[in-house]
Amino acid sequence: MPSVAELVESEVARVSQAVRARGVELEQEGAVQLVRYAPLVVTAEVDDAAARVELTIVEGSLSWFCTCVEGRSGAFCGHCAATALAACQRKGSLARSGQSPRP
């Protein structure tokens, strides 16, 4: 079964340029605090806890939720994109160090 970090890249590639740019901006500013990082669940607080994001694997597919207005309507918002990018960074850091994510 694929991990969250493996599936988020394709979702980020599908969002609008504006959403992707906002996600990059938030991630580069250090606004993403990963609360939980596991293969099937990533939870984060974004932008000083203004939004809480959860990315999960449900039946082999990526599912997401954000507490912002767009996220509550089901959109993959800038907060989701920022969390996805942070998860990818974390996965890359772990791979380079030879560590595995904790469940």
N, C-alpha and C. Protein backbone atom coordinates (compact mmCIF):
# COMPACT_ATOMS: atom_id res chain seq x y z
N MET A 1 0.85 -1.18 0.00
CA MET A 1 0.00 0.00 0.00
C MET A 1 0.90 1.25 0.00
N PRO A 2 0.59 2.21 -0.83
CA PRO A 2 1.41 3.41 -0.88
C PRO A 2 1.23 4.26 0.39
N SER A 3 2.25 5.06 0.70
CA SER A 3 2.18 5.95 1.85
C SER A 3 1.58 7.29 1.45
N VAL A 4 1.23 8.09 2.45
CA VAL A 4 0.72 9.43 2.19
C VAL A 4 1.76 10.21 1.39
N ALA A 5 3.01 10.17 1.82
CA ALA A 5 4.06 10.93 1.15
C ALA A 5 4.20 10.55 -0.33
N GLU A 6 3.92 9.30 -0.66
CA GLU A 6 4.01 8.86 -2.06
C GLU A 6 2.84 9.36 -2.89
N LEU A 7 1.65 9.46 -2.30
CA LEU A 7 0.46 9.85 -3.05
C LEU A 7 0.25 11.36 -3.15
N VAL A 8 0.81 12.13 -2.24
CA VAL A 8 0.54 13.56 -2.25
C VAL A 8 1.16 14.28 -3.44
N GLU A 9 2.26 13.78 -3.94
CA GLU A 9 2.93 14.44 -5.06
C GLU A 9 1.99 14.57 -6.26
N SER A 10 1.25 13.53 -6.58
CA SER A 10 0.34 13.59 -7.73
C SER A 10 -0.82 14.54 -7.45
N GLU A 11 -1.26 14.63 -6.20
CA GLU A 11 -2.36 15.55 -5.87
C GLU A 11 -1.89 17.00 -5.98
N VAL A 12 -0.70 17.29 -5.51
CA VAL A 12 -0.15 18.65 -5.62
C VAL A 12 0.02 19.03 -7.09
N ALA A 13 0.38 18.09 -7.92
CA ALA A 13 0.54 18.37 -9.35
C ALA A 13 -0.78 18.71 -10.02
N ARG A 14 -1.90 18.26 -9.45
CA ARG A 14 -3.22 18.51 -10.06
C ARG A 14 -3.87 19.82 -9.65
N VAL A 15 -3.44 20.43 -8.55
CA VAL A 15 -4.12 21.64 -8.07
C VAL A 15 -3.74 22.85 -8.91
N SER A 16 -4.50 23.91 -8.76
CA SER A 16 -4.23 25.14 -9.52
C SER A 16 -2.87 25.72 -9.13
N GLN A 17 -2.35 26.54 -10.01
CA GLN A 17 -1.07 27.19 -9.75
C GLN A 17 -1.13 28.03 -8.48
N ALA A 18 -2.26 28.71 -8.25
CA ALA A 18 -2.41 29.57 -7.07
C ALA A 18 -2.36 28.75 -5.78
N VAL A 19 -3.04 27.61 -5.76
CA VAL A 19 -3.03 26.74 -4.57
C VAL A 19 -1.63 26.18 -4.35
N ARG A 20 -1.00 25.74 -5.42
CA ARG A 20 0.36 25.20 -5.31
C ARG A 20 1.32 26.27 -4.80
N ALA A 21 1.21 27.49 -5.34
CA ALA A 21 2.08 28.59 -4.92
C ALA A 21 1.88 28.92 -3.44
N ARG A 22 0.63 28.92 -2.99
CA ARG A 22 0.36 29.20 -1.58
C ARG A 22 0.94 28.10 -0.70
N GLY A 23 0.82 26.85 -1.13
CA GLY A 23 1.40 25.74 -0.38
C GLY A 23 2.91 25.85 -0.28
N VAL A 24 3.55 26.18 -1.39
CA VAL A 24 5.01 26.36 -1.40
C VAL A 24 5.41 27.49 -0.45
N GLU A 25 4.67 28.59 -0.53
CA GLU A 25 4.96 29.75 0.32
C GLU A 25 4.86 29.38 1.80
N LEU A 26 3.78 28.73 2.19
CA LEU A 26 3.60 28.33 3.59
C LEU A 26 4.69 27.36 4.03
N GLU A 27 5.01 26.40 3.20
CA GLU A 27 6.02 25.40 3.55
C GLU A 27 7.40 26.05 3.68
N GLN A 28 7.74 26.93 2.75
CA GLN A 28 9.05 27.58 2.80
C GLN A 28 9.18 28.55 3.96
N GLU A 29 8.06 29.14 4.40
CA GLU A 29 8.07 30.04 5.55
C GLU A 29 8.17 29.28 6.87
N GLY A 30 8.08 27.97 6.82
CA GLY A 30 8.13 27.17 8.03
C GLY A 30 6.81 27.18 8.79
N ALA A 31 5.72 27.45 8.08
CA ALA A 31 4.40 27.56 8.71
C ALA A 31 3.74 26.21 8.96
N VAL A 32 4.38 25.12 8.56
CA VAL A 32 3.79 23.79 8.73
C VAL A 32 4.47 23.08 9.90
N GLN A 33 3.67 22.72 10.87
CA GLN A 33 4.15 21.94 12.01
C GLN A 33 3.55 20.55 11.91
N LEU A 34 4.37 19.57 11.53
CA LEU A 34 3.87 18.20 11.45
C LEU A 34 3.65 17.69 12.87
N VAL A 35 2.41 17.35 13.17
CA VAL A 35 2.03 16.85 14.48
C VAL A 35 2.18 15.34 14.52
N ARG A 36 1.80 14.70 13.43
CA ARG A 36 1.92 13.24 13.31
C ARG A 36 2.37 12.93 11.90
N TYR A 37 3.40 12.09 11.81
CA TYR A 37 3.91 11.67 10.51
C TYR A 37 4.05 10.16 10.55
N ALA A 38 3.15 9.48 9.88
CA ALA A 38 3.17 8.03 9.81
C ALA A 38 2.86 7.64 8.36
N PRO A 39 3.13 6.41 7.96
CA PRO A 39 2.90 6.05 6.57
C PRO A 39 1.48 6.28 6.06
N LEU A 40 0.48 6.08 6.91
CA LEU A 40 -0.91 6.19 6.45
C LEU A 40 -1.63 7.44 6.94
N VAL A 41 -0.99 8.24 7.79
CA VAL A 41 -1.61 9.45 8.33
C VAL A 41 -0.56 10.54 8.53
N VAL A 42 -0.85 11.72 8.03
CA VAL A 42 -0.04 12.90 8.32
C VAL A 42 -1.00 13.97 8.84
N THR A 43 -0.70 14.49 10.02
CA THR A 43 -1.50 15.55 10.60
C THR A 43 -0.59 16.75 10.85
N ALA A 44 -1.11 17.94 10.54
CA ALA A 44 -0.29 19.15 10.71
C ALA A 44 -1.14 20.32 11.16
N GLU A 45 -0.48 21.24 11.84
CA GLU A 45 -1.05 22.56 12.10
C GLU A 45 -0.31 23.51 11.19
N VAL A 46 -1.07 24.37 10.50
CA VAL A 46 -0.48 25.24 9.50
C VAL A 46 -0.80 26.69 9.82
N ASP A 47 0.19 27.54 9.62
CA ASP A 47 0.01 28.98 9.77
C ASP A 47 -0.40 29.33 11.19
N ASP A 48 0.46 28.96 12.16
CA ASP A 48 0.21 29.22 13.57
C ASP A 48 -1.13 28.67 14.04
N ALA A 49 -1.42 27.46 13.66
CA ALA A 49 -2.64 26.73 14.05
C ALA A 49 -3.91 27.35 13.49
N ALA A 50 -3.78 28.19 12.47
CA ALA A 50 -4.97 28.75 11.81
C ALA A 50 -5.74 27.64 11.10
N ALA A 51 -5.03 26.60 10.69
CA ALA A 51 -5.67 25.48 10.02
C ALA A 51 -5.06 24.18 10.52
N ARG A 52 -5.87 23.17 10.59
CA ARG A 52 -5.40 21.82 10.95
C ARG A 52 -5.73 20.92 9.77
N VAL A 53 -4.72 20.18 9.33
CA VAL A 53 -4.82 19.35 8.14
C VAL A 53 -4.58 17.90 8.52
N GLU A 54 -5.36 17.01 7.89
CA GLU A 54 -5.11 15.58 8.03
C GLU A 54 -5.14 14.97 6.65
N LEU A 55 -4.06 14.31 6.30
CA LEU A 55 -3.94 13.55 5.06
C LEU A 55 -3.89 12.09 5.44
N THR A 56 -4.76 11.27 4.86
CA THR A 56 -4.81 9.85 5.21
C THR A 56 -4.94 8.99 3.97
N ILE A 57 -4.60 7.74 4.13
CA ILE A 57 -4.82 6.74 3.09
C ILE A 57 -6.07 5.97 3.48
N VAL A 58 -7.06 6.00 2.60
CA VAL A 58 -8.32 5.26 2.81
C VAL A 58 -8.52 4.35 1.61
N GLU A 59 -8.49 3.06 1.86
CA GLU A 59 -8.66 2.06 0.80
C GLU A 59 -7.73 2.31 -0.37
N GLY A 60 -6.49 2.65 -0.07
CA GLY A 60 -5.46 2.83 -1.09
C GLY A 60 -5.45 4.17 -1.78
N SER A 61 -6.36 5.07 -1.40
CA SER A 61 -6.43 6.40 -2.02
C SER A 61 -6.18 7.48 -0.98
N LEU A 62 -5.68 8.62 -1.46
CA LEU A 62 -5.43 9.75 -0.58
C LEU A 62 -6.74 10.45 -0.23
N SER A 63 -6.92 10.73 1.04
CA SER A 63 -8.07 11.48 1.53
C SER A 63 -7.52 12.65 2.35
N TRP A 64 -8.23 13.78 2.34
CA TRP A 64 -7.74 14.93 3.08
C TRP A 64 -8.87 15.69 3.73
N PHE A 65 -8.50 16.46 4.76
CA PHE A 65 -9.44 17.36 5.41
C PHE A 65 -8.64 18.52 5.98
N CYS A 66 -9.18 19.72 5.84
CA CYS A 66 -8.58 20.92 6.44
C CYS A 66 -9.70 21.70 7.11
N THR A 67 -9.36 22.37 8.19
CA THR A 67 -10.35 23.14 8.92
C THR A 67 -10.66 24.50 8.30
N CYS A 68 -9.94 24.91 7.26
CA CYS A 68 -10.25 26.19 6.61
C CYS A 68 -11.53 26.06 5.78
N VAL A 69 -12.04 27.18 5.32
CA VAL A 69 -13.30 27.19 4.57
C VAL A 69 -13.22 26.30 3.33
N GLU A 70 -12.16 26.45 2.54
CA GLU A 70 -12.04 25.63 1.33
C GLU A 70 -11.90 24.15 1.67
N GLY A 71 -11.10 23.87 2.69
CA GLY A 71 -10.88 22.49 3.11
C GLY A 71 -12.13 21.81 3.61
N ARG A 72 -12.94 22.56 4.36
CA ARG A 72 -14.19 21.98 4.87
C ARG A 72 -15.15 21.66 3.73
N SER A 73 -14.99 22.32 2.60
CA SER A 73 -15.85 22.02 1.44
C SER A 73 -15.27 20.88 0.60
N GLY A 74 -14.12 20.35 1.02
CA GLY A 74 -13.54 19.21 0.32
C GLY A 74 -12.40 19.54 -0.62
N ALA A 75 -12.06 20.82 -0.74
CA ALA A 75 -10.98 21.22 -1.65
C ALA A 75 -9.61 20.87 -1.08
N PHE A 76 -8.69 20.55 -1.97
CA PHE A 76 -7.29 20.38 -1.60
C PHE A 76 -6.70 21.79 -1.61
N CYS A 77 -6.72 22.43 -0.44
CA CYS A 77 -6.39 23.85 -0.31
C CYS A 77 -4.88 24.07 -0.18
N GLY A 78 -4.51 25.32 -0.03
CA GLY A 78 -3.10 25.67 0.16
C GLY A 78 -2.51 25.06 1.41
N HIS A 79 -3.32 24.93 2.46
CA HIS A 79 -2.84 24.29 3.70
C HIS A 79 -2.54 22.81 3.46
N CYS A 80 -3.41 22.15 2.68
CA CYS A 80 -3.18 20.74 2.32
C CYS A 80 -1.91 20.62 1.47
N ALA A 81 -1.76 21.54 0.51
CA ALA A 81 -0.57 21.52 -0.34
C ALA A 81 0.69 21.73 0.49
N ALA A 82 0.65 22.66 1.42
CA ALA A 82 1.81 22.92 2.28
C ALA A 82 2.15 21.69 3.13
N THR A 83 1.12 21.05 3.67
CA THR A 83 1.33 19.84 4.46
C THR A 83 1.91 18.72 3.60
N ALA A 84 1.39 18.59 2.39
CA ALA A 84 1.90 17.58 1.46
C ALA A 84 3.37 17.81 1.15
N LEU A 85 3.73 19.05 0.90
CA LEU A 85 5.12 19.38 0.61
C LEU A 85 6.02 19.10 1.81
N ALA A 86 5.55 19.44 3.01
CA ALA A 86 6.31 19.15 4.22
C ALA A 86 6.48 17.65 4.42
N ALA A 87 5.44 16.88 4.12
CA ALA A 87 5.53 15.42 4.25
C ALA A 87 6.55 14.86 3.26
N CYS A 88 6.57 15.40 2.05
CA CYS A 88 7.55 14.95 1.06
C CYS A 88 8.97 15.30 1.51
N GLN A 89 9.14 16.50 2.07
CA GLN A 89 10.44 16.90 2.60
C GLN A 89 10.87 15.96 3.72
N ARG A 90 9.95 15.66 4.61
CA ARG A 90 10.24 14.77 5.74
C ARG A 90 10.61 13.38 5.23
N LYS A 91 9.87 12.89 4.24
CA LYS A 91 10.18 11.57 3.68
C LYS A 91 11.58 11.56 3.09
N GLY A 92 11.92 12.63 2.37
CA GLY A 92 13.26 12.73 1.78
C GLY A 92 14.34 12.79 2.84
N SER A 93 14.10 13.52 3.92
CA SER A 93 15.07 13.62 5.01
C SER A 93 15.27 12.27 5.68
N LEU A 94 14.17 11.55 5.91
CA LEU A 94 14.27 10.24 6.53
C LEU A 94 15.01 9.26 5.63
N ALA A 95 14.73 9.32 4.33
CA ALA A 95 15.38 8.41 3.39
C ALA A 95 16.89 8.67 3.37
N ARG A 96 17.28 9.94 3.39
CA ARG A 96 18.71 10.27 3.36
C ARG A 96 19.40 9.84 4.65
N SER A 97 18.67 9.83 5.77
CA SER A 97 19.28 9.46 7.04
C SER A 97 19.19 7.96 7.30
N GLY A 98 18.43 7.24 6.47
CA GLY A 98 18.28 5.80 6.64
C GLY A 98 17.24 5.41 7.67
N GLN A 99 16.45 6.38 8.16
CA GLN A 99 15.43 6.10 9.16
C GLN A 99 14.11 5.78 8.50
N SER A 100 13.21 5.19 9.27
CA SER A 100 11.84 4.92 8.84
C SER A 100 10.90 5.80 9.63
N PRO A 101 9.76 6.20 9.02
CA PRO A 101 8.80 6.96 9.81
C PRO A 101 8.22 6.11 10.92
N ARG A 102 7.93 6.76 12.05
CA ARG A 102 7.30 6.03 13.16
C ARG A 102 5.81 5.94 12.95
N PRO A 103 5.23 4.81 13.31
CA PRO A 103 3.76 4.67 13.18
C PRO A 103 3.01 5.55 14.13
